[in-house]
Amino acid sequence: MVASDRKYTKDHEWVLAEGESATVGVTEYAAHELGDVVFLELPEVGTVVAQGEAVGTIETVKSVEDLFSPVGGEVIAVNEAVLDAPETVNQDPLEAGWLFKVRIEDRSEMDELLSADDYDALIGG
């Protein structure tokens, strides 16, 4: 499922902008392709990240993949629940499995991301 209320990266992250902040997670497609998530390394609150920067990792039974920030800004929250239960990313990647929140520094960066239709085409939907 590709939710129409979000923007997407070619690296399979989603971002949902709400006011001056944005919630970031991995797409349902990524969660399925990665396999069972067993460990997450997420950025710390207060860290300033740049758009496209590797900010953490997602470890599965098959591999370790980098996690990239879709937008630049300051990390203002991390989903502690997924650190304790990483399988949440597989079970509910679009809601309970969100990863971190960023205070958006440059709102125009959102325009560089893929729309739901473009992302759906990318994954062959």
PDB file of N, CA and C in Angstrom:
ATOM      1  N   MET A   1       0.832  -1.190   0.000  1.00  0.00           N
ATOM      2  CA  MET A   1       0.000   0.000   0.000  1.00  0.00           C
ATOM      3  C   MET A   1       0.874   1.251   0.000  1.00  0.00           C
ATOM      4  N   VAL A   2       0.575   2.186  -0.861  1.00  0.00           N
ATOM      5  CA  VAL A   2       1.284   3.456  -0.929  1.00  0.00           C
ATOM      6  C   VAL A   2       0.288   4.539  -0.501  1.00  0.00           C
ATOM      7  N   ALA A   3       0.505   5.099   0.678  1.00  0.00           N
ATOM      8  CA  ALA A   3      -0.411   6.110   1.212  1.00  0.00           C
ATOM      9  C   ALA A   3      -0.252   7.427   0.453  1.00  0.00           C
ATOM     10  N   SER A   4      -1.361   8.027   0.070  1.00  0.00           N
ATOM     11  CA  SER A   4      -1.326   9.251  -0.739  1.00  0.00           C
ATOM     12  C   SER A   4      -1.025  10.508   0.071  1.00  0.00           C
ATOM     13  N   ASP A   5      -1.022  10.414   1.412  1.00  0.00           N
ATOM     14  CA  ASP A   5      -0.787  11.600   2.241  1.00  0.00           C
ATOM     15  C   ASP A   5       0.690  11.832   2.551  1.00  0.00           C
ATOM     16  N   ARG A   6       1.587  11.049   1.931  1.00  0.00           N
ATOM     17  CA  ARG A   6       3.017  11.138   2.207  1.00  0.00           C
ATOM     18  C   ARG A   6       3.818  11.371   0.944  1.00  0.00           C
ATOM     19  N   LYS A   7       5.083  11.700   1.152  1.00  0.00           N
ATOM     20  CA  LYS A   7       6.061  11.770   0.070  1.00  0.00           C
ATOM     21  C   LYS A   7       7.045  10.617   0.297  1.00  0.00           C
ATOM     22  N   TYR A   8       7.774  10.269  -0.749  1.00  0.00           N
ATOM     23  CA  TYR A   8       8.628   9.078  -0.706  1.00  0.00           C
ATOM     24  C   TYR A   8      10.003   9.348  -1.290  1.00  0.00           C
ATOM     25  N   THR A   9      10.978   8.517  -0.884  1.00  0.00           N
ATOM     26  CA  THR A   9      12.316   8.585  -1.472  1.00  0.00           C
ATOM     27  C   THR A   9      12.528   7.341  -2.330  1.00  0.00           C
ATOM     28  N   LYS A  10      13.518   7.421  -3.196  1.00  0.00           N
ATOM     29  CA  LYS A  10      13.874   6.258  -4.010  1.00  0.00           C
ATOM     30  C   LYS A  10      14.506   5.163  -3.151  1.00  0.00           C
ATOM     31  N   ASP A  11      14.902   5.523  -1.924  1.00  0.00           N
ATOM     32  CA  ASP A  11      15.478   4.562  -0.984  1.00  0.00           C
ATOM     33  C   ASP A  11      14.408   3.917  -0.102  1.00  0.00           C
ATOM     34  N   HIS A  12      13.128   4.189  -0.391  1.00  0.00           N
ATOM     35  CA  HIS A  12      11.985   3.550   0.256  1.00  0.00           C
ATOM     36  C   HIS A  12      11.684   4.052   1.669  1.00  0.00           C
ATOM     37  N   GLU A  13      11.992   5.325   1.923  1.00  0.00           N
ATOM     38  CA  GLU A  13      11.506   5.964   3.140  1.00  0.00           C
ATOM     39  C   GLU A  13      10.272   6.776   2.794  1.00  0.00           C
ATOM     40  N   TRP A  14       9.377   6.924   3.769  1.00  0.00           N
ATOM     41  CA  TRP A  14       8.238   7.825   3.591  1.00  0.00           C
ATOM     42  C   TRP A  14       8.395   8.984   4.566  1.00  0.00           C
ATOM     43  N   VAL A  15       7.772  10.099   4.230  1.00  0.00           N
ATOM     44  CA  VAL A  15       7.785  11.256   5.112  1.00  0.00           C
ATOM     45  C   VAL A  15       6.391  11.892   5.088  1.00  0.00           C
ATOM     46  N   LEU A  16       5.887  12.171   6.267  1.00  0.00           N
ATOM     47  CA  LEU A  16       4.571  12.789   6.428  1.00  0.00           C
ATOM     48  C   LEU A  16       4.778  14.127   7.125  1.00  0.00           C
ATOM     49  N   ALA A  17       4.612  15.221   6.377  1.00  0.00           N
ATOM     50  CA  ALA A  17       4.800  16.560   6.932  1.00  0.00           C
ATOM     51  C   ALA A  17       3.538  17.010   7.648  1.00  0.00           C
ATOM     52  N   GLU A  18       3.740  17.531   8.864  1.00  0.00           N
ATOM     53  CA  GLU A  18       2.644  18.057   9.668  1.00  0.00           C
ATOM     54  C   GLU A  18       3.132  19.362  10.287  1.00  0.00           C
ATOM     55  N   GLY A  19       2.732  20.484   9.680  1.00  0.00           N
ATOM     56  CA  GLY A  19       3.234  21.769  10.156  1.00  0.00           C
ATOM     57  C   GLY A  19       4.713  21.885   9.858  1.00  0.00           C
ATOM     58  N   GLU A  20       5.501  22.220  10.889  1.00  0.00           N
ATOM     59  CA  GLU A  20       6.938  22.365  10.668  1.00  0.00           C
ATOM     60  C   GLU A  20       7.723  21.089  10.954  1.00  0.00           C
ATOM     61  N   SER A  21       7.023  20.004  11.278  1.00  0.00           N
ATOM     62  CA  SER A  21       7.725  18.746  11.534  1.00  0.00           C
ATOM     63  C   SER A  21       7.317  17.679  10.522  1.00  0.00           C
ATOM     64  N   ALA A  22       8.148  16.660  10.443  1.00  0.00           N
ATOM     65  CA  ALA A  22       7.896  15.561   9.517  1.00  0.00           C
ATOM     66  C   ALA A  22       8.205  14.242  10.213  1.00  0.00           C
ATOM     67  N   THR A  23       7.312  13.279  10.043  1.00  0.00           N
ATOM     68  CA  THR A  23       7.508  11.936  10.565  1.00  0.00           C
ATOM     69  C   THR A  23       8.084  11.079   9.454  1.00  0.00           C
ATOM     70  N   VAL A  24       9.069  10.245   9.799  1.00  0.00           N
ATOM     71  CA  VAL A  24       9.779   9.429   8.818  1.00  0.00           C
ATOM     72  C   VAL A  24       9.660   7.954   9.174  1.00  0.00           C
ATOM     73  N   GLY A  25       9.491   7.128   8.146  1.00  0.00           N
ATOM     74  CA  GLY A  25       9.479   5.682   8.334  1.00  0.00           C
ATOM     75  C   GLY A  25       9.900   5.004   7.047  1.00  0.00           C
ATOM     76  N   VAL A  26       9.843   3.685   7.038  1.00  0.00           N
ATOM     77  CA  VAL A  26      10.117   2.951   5.802  1.00  0.00           C
ATOM     78  C   VAL A  26       8.795   2.477   5.221  1.00  0.00           C
ATOM     79  N   THR A  27       8.771   2.331   3.909  1.00  0.00           N
ATOM     80  CA  THR A  27       7.539   1.956   3.230  1.00  0.00           C
ATOM     81  C   THR A  27       7.176   0.496   3.467  1.00  0.00           C
ATOM     82  N   GLU A  28       5.932   0.197   3.192  1.00  0.00           N
ATOM     83  CA  GLU A  28       5.463  -1.183   3.294  1.00  0.00           C
ATOM     84  C   GLU A  28       6.252  -2.079   2.341  1.00  0.00           C
ATOM     85  N   TYR A  29       6.545  -1.563   1.158  1.00  0.00           N
ATOM     86  CA  TYR A  29       7.350  -2.291   0.185  1.00  0.00           C
ATOM     87  C   TYR A  29       8.712  -2.643   0.776  1.00  0.00           C
ATOM     88  N   ALA A  30       9.380  -1.655   1.394  1.00  0.00           N
ATOM     89  CA  ALA A  30      10.698  -1.889   2.000  1.00  0.00           C
ATOM     90  C   ALA A  30      10.601  -2.890   3.136  1.00  0.00           C
ATOM     91  N   ALA A  31       9.593  -2.743   3.977  1.00  0.00           N
ATOM     92  CA  ALA A  31       9.433  -3.654   5.109  1.00  0.00           C
ATOM     93  C   ALA A  31       9.269  -5.096   4.625  1.00  0.00           C
ATOM     94  N   HIS A  32       8.540  -5.272   3.540  1.00  0.00           N
ATOM     95  CA  HIS A  32       8.339  -6.606   2.977  1.00  0.00           C
ATOM     96  C   HIS A  32       9.635  -7.136   2.351  1.00  0.00           C
ATOM     97  N   GLU A  33      10.307  -6.279   1.555  1.00  0.00           N
ATOM     98  CA  GLU A  33      11.530  -6.700   0.856  1.00  0.00           C
ATOM     99  C   GLU A  33      12.682  -6.973   1.818  1.00  0.00           C
ATOM    100  N   LEU A  34      12.781  -6.209   2.892  1.00  0.00           N
ATOM    101  CA  LEU A  34      13.876  -6.375   3.841  1.00  0.00           C
ATOM    102  C   LEU A  34      13.789  -7.688   4.607  1.00  0.00           C
ATOM    103  N   GLY A  35      12.584  -8.127   4.880  1.00  0.00           N
ATOM    104  CA  GLY A  35      12.402  -9.304   5.735  1.00  0.00           C
ATOM    105  C   GLY A  35      12.269  -8.867   7.187  1.00  0.00           C
ATOM    106  N   ASP A  36      12.408  -9.810   8.087  1.00  0.00           N
ATOM    107  CA  ASP A  36      12.162  -9.550   9.504  1.00  0.00           C
ATOM    108  C   ASP A  36      13.192  -8.593  10.095  1.00  0.00           C
ATOM    109  N   VAL A  37      12.718  -7.429  10.551  1.00  0.00           N
ATOM    110  CA  VAL A  37      13.587  -6.438  11.189  1.00  0.00           C
ATOM    111  C   VAL A  37      13.887  -6.918  12.608  1.00  0.00           C
ATOM    112  N   VAL A  38      15.193  -6.973  12.949  1.00  0.00           N
ATOM    113  CA  VAL A  38      15.596  -7.460  14.266  1.00  0.00           C
ATOM    114  C   VAL A  38      16.282  -6.399  15.115  1.00  0.00           C
ATOM    115  N   PHE A  39      16.752  -5.306  14.474  1.00  0.00           N
ATOM    116  CA  PHE A  39      17.450  -4.261  15.222  1.00  0.00           C
ATOM    117  C   PHE A  39      17.413  -2.966  14.427  1.00  0.00           C
ATOM    118  N   LEU A  40      17.292  -1.850  15.136  1.00  0.00           N
ATOM    119  CA  LEU A  40      17.300  -0.522  14.509  1.00  0.00           C
ATOM    120  C   LEU A  40      18.303   0.373  15.216  1.00  0.00           C
ATOM    121  N   GLU A  41      19.019   1.149  14.440  1.00  0.00           N
ATOM    122  CA  GLU A  41      19.848   2.212  14.982  1.00  0.00           C
ATOM    123  C   GLU A  41      19.277   3.504  14.415  1.00  0.00           C
ATOM    124  N   LEU A  42      18.792   4.375  15.299  1.00  0.00           N
ATOM    125  CA  LEU A  42      18.135   5.609  14.878  1.00  0.00           C
ATOM    126  C   LEU A  42      18.939   6.814  15.357  1.00  0.00           C
ATOM    127  N   PRO A  43      18.761   7.971  14.709  1.00  0.00           N
ATOM    128  CA  PRO A  43      19.485   9.169  15.145  1.00  0.00           C
ATOM    129  C   PRO A  43      19.000   9.612  16.525  1.00  0.00           C
ATOM    130  N   GLU A  44      19.871  10.296  17.247  1.00  0.00           N
ATOM    131  CA  GLU A  44      19.501  10.799  18.570  1.00  0.00           C
ATOM    132  C   GLU A  44      18.741  12.113  18.448  1.00  0.00           C
ATOM    133  N   VAL A  45      17.825  12.333  19.386  1.00  0.00           N
ATOM    134  CA  VAL A  45      17.106  13.610  19.458  1.00  0.00           C
ATOM    135  C   VAL A  45      18.134  14.726  19.597  1.00  0.00           C
ATOM    136  N   GLY A  46      17.958  15.783  18.827  1.00  0.00           N
ATOM    137  CA  GLY A  46      18.878  16.909  18.853  1.00  0.00           C
ATOM    138  C   GLY A  46      19.890  16.887  17.719  1.00  0.00           C
ATOM    139  N   THR A  47      20.027  15.735  17.056  1.00  0.00           N
ATOM    140  CA  THR A  47      20.945  15.622  15.933  1.00  0.00           C
ATOM    141  C   THR A  47      20.402  16.417  14.748  1.00  0.00           C
ATOM    142  N   VAL A  48      21.272  17.162  14.085  1.00  0.00           N
ATOM    143  CA  VAL A  48      20.884  17.876  12.873  1.00  0.00           C
ATOM    144  C   VAL A  48      21.286  17.004  11.684  1.00  0.00           C
ATOM    145  N   VAL A  49      20.315  16.715  10.818  1.00  0.00           N
ATOM    146  CA  VAL A  49      20.544  15.836   9.675  1.00  0.00           C
ATOM    147  C   VAL A  49      20.307  16.599   8.380  1.00  0.00           C
ATOM    148  N   ALA A  50      20.979  16.144   7.330  1.00  0.00           N
ATOM    149  CA  ALA A  50      20.806  16.739   6.005  1.00  0.00           C
ATOM    150  C   ALA A  50      19.941  15.820   5.156  1.00  0.00           C
ATOM    151  N   GLN A  51      19.260  16.397   4.180  1.00  0.00           N
ATOM    152  CA  GLN A  51      18.448  15.592   3.274  1.00  0.00           C
ATOM    153  C   GLN A  51      19.350  14.572   2.572  1.00  0.00           C
ATOM    154  N   GLY A  52      18.920  13.308   2.582  1.00  0.00           N
ATOM    155  CA  GLY A  52      19.659  12.247   1.913  1.00  0.00           C
ATOM    156  C   GLY A  52      20.787  11.652   2.730  1.00  0.00           C
ATOM    157  N   GLU A  53      21.021  12.188   3.922  1.00  0.00           N
ATOM    158  CA  GLU A  53      22.106  11.700   4.775  1.00  0.00           C
ATOM    159  C   GLU A  53      21.725  10.375   5.438  1.00  0.00           C
ATOM    160  N   ALA A  54      22.705   9.460   5.520  1.00  0.00           N
ATOM    161  CA  ALA A  54      22.497   8.221   6.265  1.00  0.00           C
ATOM    162  C   ALA A  54      22.450   8.582   7.748  1.00  0.00           C
ATOM    163  N   VAL A  55      21.361   8.213   8.417  1.00  0.00           N
ATOM    164  CA  VAL A  55      21.161   8.614   9.810  1.00  0.00           C
ATOM    165  C   VAL A  55      21.012   7.436  10.767  1.00  0.00           C
ATOM    166  N   GLY A  56      21.041   6.226  10.228  1.00  0.00           N
ATOM    167  CA  GLY A  56      20.899   5.040  11.062  1.00  0.00           C
ATOM    168  C   GLY A  56      20.932   3.803  10.203  1.00  0.00           C
ATOM    169  N   THR A  57      20.596   2.684  10.824  1.00  0.00           N
ATOM    170  CA  THR A  57      20.574   1.417  10.097  1.00  0.00           C
ATOM    171  C   THR A  57      19.353   0.596  10.485  1.00  0.00           C
ATOM    172  N   ILE A  58      18.979  -0.277   9.559  1.00  0.00           N
ATOM    173  CA  ILE A  58      17.920  -1.253   9.783  1.00  0.00           C
ATOM    174  C   ILE A  58      18.553  -2.626   9.575  1.00  0.00           C
ATOM    175  N   GLU A  59      18.561  -3.424  10.621  1.00  0.00           N
ATOM    176  CA  GLU A  59      19.149  -4.761  10.536  1.00  0.00           C
ATOM    177  C   GLU A  59      18.031  -5.800  10.462  1.00  0.00           C
ATOM    178  N   THR A  60      18.155  -6.673   9.483  1.00  0.00           N
ATOM    179  CA  THR A  60      17.194  -7.767   9.336  1.00  0.00           C
ATOM    180  C   THR A  60      17.954  -9.082   9.446  1.00  0.00           C
ATOM    181  N   VAL A  61      17.218 -10.182   9.358  1.00  0.00           N
ATOM    182  CA  VAL A  61      17.878 -11.482   9.400  1.00  0.00           C
ATOM    183  C   VAL A  61      18.743 -11.691   8.163  1.00  0.00           C
ATOM    184  N   LYS A  62      18.505 -10.898   7.096  1.00  0.00           N
ATOM    185  CA  LYS A  62      19.234 -11.045   5.838  1.00  0.00           C
ATOM    186  C   LYS A  62      20.368 -10.041   5.649  1.00  0.00           C
ATOM    187  N   SER A  63      20.207  -8.811   6.171  1.00  0.00           N
ATOM    188  CA  SER A  63      21.172  -7.759   5.845  1.00  0.00           C
ATOM    189  C   SER A  63      21.086  -6.594   6.829  1.00  0.00           C
ATOM    190  N   VAL A  64      22.018  -5.653   6.637  1.00  0.00           N
ATOM    191  CA  VAL A  64      21.981  -4.375   7.347  1.00  0.00           C
ATOM    192  C   VAL A  64      21.919  -3.292   6.275  1.00  0.00           C
ATOM    193  N   GLU A  65      20.905  -2.447   6.342  1.00  0.00           N
ATOM    194  CA  GLU A  65      20.698  -1.395   5.348  1.00  0.00           C
ATOM    195  C   GLU A  65      20.758  -0.031   6.021  1.00  0.00           C
ATOM    196  N   ASP A  66      21.272   0.956   5.286  1.00  0.00           N
ATOM    197  CA  ASP A  66      21.287   2.326   5.793  1.00  0.00           C
ATOM    198  C   ASP A  66      19.885   2.914   5.762  1.00  0.00           C
ATOM    199  N   LEU A  67      19.623   3.786   6.714  1.00  0.00           N
ATOM    200  CA  LEU A  67      18.386   4.555   6.782  1.00  0.00           C
ATOM    201  C   LEU A  67      18.759   6.002   6.472  1.00  0.00           C
ATOM    202  N   PHE A  68      18.042   6.609   5.527  1.00  0.00           N
ATOM    203  CA  PHE A  68      18.349   7.969   5.086  1.00  0.00           C
ATOM    204  C   PHE A  68      17.244   8.925   5.513  1.00  0.00           C
ATOM    205  N   SER A  69      17.623  10.176   5.759  1.00  0.00           N
ATOM    206  CA  SER A  69      16.629  11.193   6.106  1.00  0.00           C
ATOM    207  C   SER A  69      16.088  11.834   4.828  1.00  0.00           C
ATOM    208  N   PRO A  70      14.784  11.799   4.609  1.00  0.00           N
ATOM    209  CA  PRO A  70      14.194  12.400   3.410  1.00  0.00           C
ATOM    210  C   PRO A  70      14.276  13.925   3.381  1.00  0.00           C
ATOM    211  N   VAL A  71      14.377  14.536   4.563  1.00  0.00           N
ATOM    212  CA  VAL A  71      14.458  15.995   4.672  1.00  0.00           C
ATOM    213  C   VAL A  71      15.509  16.364   5.714  1.00  0.00           C
ATOM    214  N   GLY A  72      16.030  17.570   5.581  1.00  0.00           N
ATOM    215  CA  GLY A  72      17.002  18.054   6.545  1.00  0.00           C
ATOM    216  C   GLY A  72      16.336  18.779   7.695  1.00  0.00           C
ATOM    217  N   GLY A  73      17.015  18.774   8.836  1.00  0.00           N
ATOM    218  CA  GLY A  73      16.509  19.475  10.003  1.00  0.00           C
ATOM    219  C   GLY A  73      16.994  18.825  11.282  1.00  0.00           C
ATOM    220  N   GLU A  74      16.384  19.202  12.391  1.00  0.00           N
ATOM    221  CA  GLU A  74      16.756  18.668  13.693  1.00  0.00           C
ATOM    222  C   GLU A  74      15.825  17.519  14.079  1.00  0.00           C
ATOM    223  N   VAL A  75      16.409  16.419  14.520  1.00  0.00           N
ATOM    224  CA  VAL A  75      15.618  15.288  15.007  1.00  0.00           C
ATOM    225  C   VAL A  75      14.967  15.706  16.321  1.00  0.00           C
ATOM    226  N   ILE A  76      13.630  15.646  16.366  1.00  0.00           N
ATOM    227  CA  ILE A  76      12.905  16.104  17.556  1.00  0.00           C
ATOM    228  C   ILE A  76      12.245  14.958  18.326  1.00  0.00           C
ATOM    229  N   ALA A  77      12.201  13.763  17.724  1.00  0.00           N
ATOM    230  CA  ALA A  77      11.629  12.601  18.417  1.00  0.00           C
ATOM    231  C   ALA A  77      12.114  11.323  17.744  1.00  0.00           C
ATOM    232  N   VAL A  78      12.218  10.281  18.551  1.00  0.00           N
ATOM    233  CA  VAL A  78      12.566   8.949  18.065  1.00  0.00           C
ATOM    234  C   VAL A  78      11.517   7.995  18.630  1.00  0.00           C
ATOM    235  N   ASN A  79      11.078   7.057  17.818  1.00  0.00           N
ATOM    236  CA  ASN A  79      10.073   6.090  18.253  1.00  0.00           C
ATOM    237  C   ASN A  79      10.749   5.007  19.097  1.00  0.00           C
ATOM    238  N   GLU A  80      10.748   5.212  20.409  1.00  0.00           N
ATOM    239  CA  GLU A  80      11.382   4.267  21.341  1.00  0.00           C
ATOM    240  C   GLU A  80      10.729   2.886  21.272  1.00  0.00           C
ATOM    241  N   ALA A  81       9.439   2.850  20.953  1.00  0.00           N
ATOM    242  CA  ALA A  81       8.719   1.571  20.909  1.00  0.00           C
ATOM    243  C   ALA A  81       9.299   0.626  19.863  1.00  0.00           C
ATOM    244  N   VAL A  82       9.749   1.164  18.711  1.00  0.00           N
ATOM    245  CA  VAL A  82      10.309   0.281  17.682  1.00  0.00           C
ATOM    246  C   VAL A  82      11.712  -0.183  18.042  1.00  0.00           C
ATOM    247  N   LEU A  83      12.394   0.565  18.903  1.00  0.00           N
ATOM    248  CA  LEU A  83      13.701   0.106  19.363  1.00  0.00           C
ATOM    249  C   LEU A  83      13.538  -1.129  20.240  1.00  0.00           C
ATOM    250  N   ASP A  84      12.472  -1.146  21.039  1.00  0.00           N
ATOM    251  CA  ASP A  84      12.185  -2.292  21.909  1.00  0.00           C
ATOM    252  C   ASP A  84      11.524  -3.442  21.155  1.00  0.00           C
ATOM    253  N   ALA A  85      10.781  -3.130  20.104  1.00  0.00           N
ATOM    254  CA  ALA A  85      10.054  -4.136  19.323  1.00  0.00           C
ATOM    255  C   ALA A  85      10.217  -3.840  17.832  1.00  0.00           C
ATOM    256  N   PRO A  86      11.421  -4.114  17.265  1.00  0.00           N
ATOM    257  CA  PRO A  86      11.682  -3.757  15.871  1.00  0.00           C
ATOM    258  C   PRO A  86      10.746  -4.420  14.864  1.00  0.00           C
ATOM    259  N   GLU A  87      10.129  -5.527  15.255  1.00  0.00           N
ATOM    260  CA  GLU A  87       9.192  -6.197  14.346  1.00  0.00           C
ATOM    261  C   GLU A  87       7.977  -5.326  14.018  1.00  0.00           C
ATOM    262  N   THR A  88       7.751  -4.270  14.805  1.00  0.00           N
ATOM    263  CA  THR A  88       6.662  -3.326  14.530  1.00  0.00           C
ATOM    264  C   THR A  88       6.831  -2.702  13.152  1.00  0.00           C
ATOM    265  N   VAL A  89       8.077  -2.522  12.712  1.00  0.00           N
ATOM    266  CA  VAL A  89       8.335  -1.955  11.387  1.00  0.00           C
ATOM    267  C   VAL A  89       7.746  -2.852  10.307  1.00  0.00           C
ATOM    268  N   ASN A  90       7.818  -4.167  10.490  1.00  0.00           N
ATOM    269  CA  ASN A  90       7.228  -5.101   9.530  1.00  0.00           C
ATOM    270  C   ASN A  90       5.708  -5.151   9.659  1.00  0.00           C
ATOM    271  N   GLN A  91       5.217  -5.103  10.885  1.00  0.00           N
ATOM    272  CA  GLN A  91       3.785  -5.275  11.136  1.00  0.00           C
ATOM    273  C   GLN A  91       2.960  -4.054  10.764  1.00  0.00           C
ATOM    274  N   ASP A  92       3.497  -2.855  10.986  1.00  0.00           N
ATOM    275  CA  ASP A  92       2.731  -1.626  10.758  1.00  0.00           C
ATOM    276  C   ASP A  92       3.670  -0.485  10.359  1.00  0.00           C
ATOM    277  N   PRO A  93       4.311  -0.585   9.175  1.00  0.00           N
ATOM    278  CA  PRO A  93       5.335   0.395   8.800  1.00  0.00           C
ATOM    279  C   PRO A  93       4.817   1.817   8.599  1.00  0.00           C
ATOM    280  N   LEU A  94       3.538   1.977   8.314  1.00  0.00           N
ATOM    281  CA  LEU A  94       3.009   3.310   8.018  1.00  0.00           C
ATOM    282  C   LEU A  94       2.449   4.050   9.231  1.00  0.00           C
ATOM    283  N   GLU A  95       2.249   3.354  10.328  1.00  0.00           N
ATOM    284  CA  GLU A  95       1.684   4.010  11.506  1.00  0.00           C
ATOM    285  C   GLU A  95       2.562   3.757  12.744  1.00  0.00           C
ATOM    286  N   ALA A  96       2.339   2.671  13.455  1.00  0.00           N
ATOM    287  CA  ALA A  96       3.073   2.386  14.694  1.00  0.00           C
ATOM    288  C   ALA A  96       4.566   2.193  14.455  1.00  0.00           C
ATOM    289  N   GLY A  97       4.946   1.827  13.229  1.00  0.00           N
ATOM    290  CA  GLY A  97       6.348   1.573  12.911  1.00  0.00           C
ATOM    291  C   GLY A  97       7.132   2.784  12.440  1.00  0.00           C
ATOM    292  N   TRP A  98       6.601   4.000  12.667  1.00  0.00           N
ATOM    293  CA  TRP A  98       7.379   5.202  12.300  1.00  0.00           C
ATOM    294  C   TRP A  98       8.703   5.181  13.046  1.00  0.00           C
ATOM    295  N   LEU A  99       9.715   5.886  12.508  1.00  0.00           N
ATOM    296  CA  LEU A  99      11.055   5.800  13.082  1.00  0.00           C
ATOM    297  C   LEU A  99      11.505   7.050  13.830  1.00  0.00           C
ATOM    298  N   PHE A 100      11.397   8.212  13.191  1.00  0.00           N
ATOM    299  CA  PHE A 100      11.818   9.443  13.863  1.00  0.00           C
ATOM    300  C   PHE A 100      11.087  10.640  13.266  1.00  0.00           C
ATOM    301  N   LYS A 101      11.170  11.767  13.987  1.00  0.00           N
ATOM    302  CA  LYS A 101      10.554  13.009  13.531  1.00  0.00           C
ATOM    303  C   LYS A 101      11.622  14.093  13.437  1.00  0.00           C
ATOM    304  N   VAL A 102      11.477  14.927  12.418  1.00  0.00           N
ATOM    305  CA  VAL A 102      12.434  15.998  12.136  1.00  0.00           C
ATOM    306  C   VAL A 102      11.692  17.329  12.075  1.00  0.00           C
ATOM    307  N   ARG A 103      12.298  18.368  12.668  1.00  0.00           N
ATOM    308  CA  ARG A 103      11.793  19.725  12.460  1.00  0.00           C
ATOM    309  C   ARG A 103      12.378  20.171  11.122  1.00  0.00           C
ATOM    310  N   ILE A 104      11.524  20.366  10.131  1.00  0.00           N
ATOM    311  CA  ILE A 104      11.968  20.634   8.767  1.00  0.00           C
ATOM    312  C   ILE A 104      12.671  21.984   8.691  1.00  0.00           C
ATOM    313  N   GLU A 105      13.896  21.960   8.150  1.00  0.00           N
ATOM    314  CA  GLU A 105      14.678  23.184   7.997  1.00  0.00           C
ATOM    315  C   GLU A 105      14.280  23.941   6.730  1.00  0.00           C
ATOM    316  N   ASP A 106      14.098  23.212   5.621  1.00  0.00           N
ATOM    317  CA  ASP A 106      13.795  23.831   4.335  1.00  0.00           C
ATOM    318  C   ASP A 106      12.614  23.086   3.704  1.00  0.00           C
ATOM    319  N   ARG A 107      11.460  23.667   3.811  1.00  0.00           N
ATOM    320  CA  ARG A 107      10.222  23.016   3.349  1.00  0.00           C
ATOM    321  C   ARG A 107      10.274  22.672   1.846  1.00  0.00           C
ATOM    322  N   SER A 108      11.073  23.395   1.074  1.00  0.00           N
ATOM    323  CA  SER A 108      11.142  23.123  -0.366  1.00  0.00           C
ATOM    324  C   SER A 108      11.748  21.746  -0.654  1.00  0.00           C
ATOM    325  N   GLU A 109      12.460  21.167   0.297  1.00  0.00           N
ATOM    326  CA  GLU A 109      13.001  19.816   0.099  1.00  0.00           C
ATOM    327  C   GLU A 109      11.894  18.793  -0.117  1.00  0.00           C
ATOM    328  N   MET A 110      10.728  19.068   0.422  1.00  0.00           N
ATOM    329  CA  MET A 110       9.590  18.160   0.239  1.00  0.00           C
ATOM    330  C   MET A 110       9.226  18.039  -1.246  1.00  0.00           C
ATOM    331  N   ASP A 111       9.451  19.122  -2.007  1.00  0.00           N
ATOM    332  CA  ASP A 111       9.117  19.132  -3.432  1.00  0.00           C
ATOM    333  C   ASP A 111      10.028  18.214  -4.244  1.00  0.00           C
ATOM    334  N   GLU A 112      11.183  17.856  -3.687  1.00  0.00           N
ATOM    335  CA  GLU A 112      12.138  16.995  -4.382  1.00  0.00           C
ATOM    336  C   GLU A 112      11.811  15.509  -4.219  1.00  0.00           C
ATOM    337  N   LEU A 113      10.872  15.197  -3.349  1.00  0.00           N
ATOM    338  CA  LEU A 113      10.524  13.803  -3.065  1.00  0.00           C
ATOM    339  C   LEU A 113       9.467  13.291  -4.037  1.00  0.00           C
ATOM    340  N   LEU A 114       9.294  11.990  -4.054  1.00  0.00           N
ATOM    341  CA  LEU A 114       8.336  11.353  -4.956  1.00  0.00           C
ATOM    342  C   LEU A 114       6.917  11.444  -4.400  1.00  0.00           C
ATOM    343  N   SER A 115       5.958  11.659  -5.293  1.00  0.00           N
ATOM    344  CA  SER A 115       4.546  11.584  -4.907  1.00  0.00           C
ATOM    345  C   SER A 115       4.188  10.111  -4.728  1.00  0.00           C
ATOM    346  N   ALA A 116       3.020   9.849  -4.177  1.00  0.00           N
ATOM    347  CA  ALA A 116       2.558   8.468  -4.017  1.00  0.00           C
ATOM    348  C   ALA A 116       2.483   7.765  -5.370  1.00  0.00           C
ATOM    349  N   ASP A 117       1.969   8.446  -6.396  1.00  0.00           N
ATOM    350  CA  ASP A 117       1.878   7.848  -7.730  1.00  0.00           C
ATOM    351  C   ASP A 117       3.253   7.537  -8.303  1.00  0.00           C
ATOM    352  N   ASP A 118       4.201   8.467  -8.137  1.00  0.00           N
ATOM    353  CA  ASP A 118       5.554   8.253  -8.648  1.00  0.00           C
ATOM    354  C   ASP A 118       6.236   7.092  -7.921  1.00  0.00           C
ATOM    355  N   TYR A 119       6.030   7.016  -6.602  1.00  0.00           N
ATOM    356  CA  TYR A 119       6.639   5.930  -5.836  1.00  0.00           C
ATOM    357  C   TYR A 119       6.013   4.583  -6.243  1.00  0.00           C
ATOM    358  N   ASP A 120       4.704   4.575  -6.423  1.00  0.00           N
ATOM    359  CA  ASP A 120       4.015   3.362  -6.843  1.00  0.00           C
ATOM    360  C   ASP A 120       4.568   2.874  -8.188  1.00  0.00           C
ATOM    361  N   ALA A 121       4.834   3.811  -9.094  1.00  0.00           N
ATOM    362  CA  ALA A 121       5.417   3.448 -10.398  1.00  0.00           C
ATOM    363  C   ALA A 121       6.839   2.914 -10.226  1.00  0.00           C
ATOM    364  N   LEU A 122       7.599   3.492  -9.291  1.00  0.00           N
ATOM    365  CA  LEU A 122       8.963   3.059  -9.035  1.00  0.00           C
ATOM    366  C   LEU A 122       9.019   1.592  -8.596  1.00  0.00           C
ATOM    367  N   ILE A 123       8.080   1.219  -7.739  1.00  0.00           N
ATOM    368  CA  ILE A 123       8.096  -0.157  -7.215  1.00  0.00           C
ATOM    369  C   ILE A 123       7.293  -1.125  -8.085  1.00  0.00           C
ATOM    370  N   GLY A 124       6.816  -0.621  -9.205  1.00  0.00           N
ATOM    371  CA  GLY A 124       6.104  -1.490 -10.142  1.00  0.00           C
ATOM    372  C   GLY A 124       4.676  -1.766  -9.763  1.00  0.00           C
ATOM    373  N   GLY A 125       4.069  -0.794  -9.054  1.00  0.00           N
ATOM    374  CA  GLY A 125       2.679  -0.964  -8.593  1.00  0.00           C
ATOM    375  C   GLY A 125       1.656  -0.813  -9.680  1.00  0.00           C
TER     376      GLY A 125
END
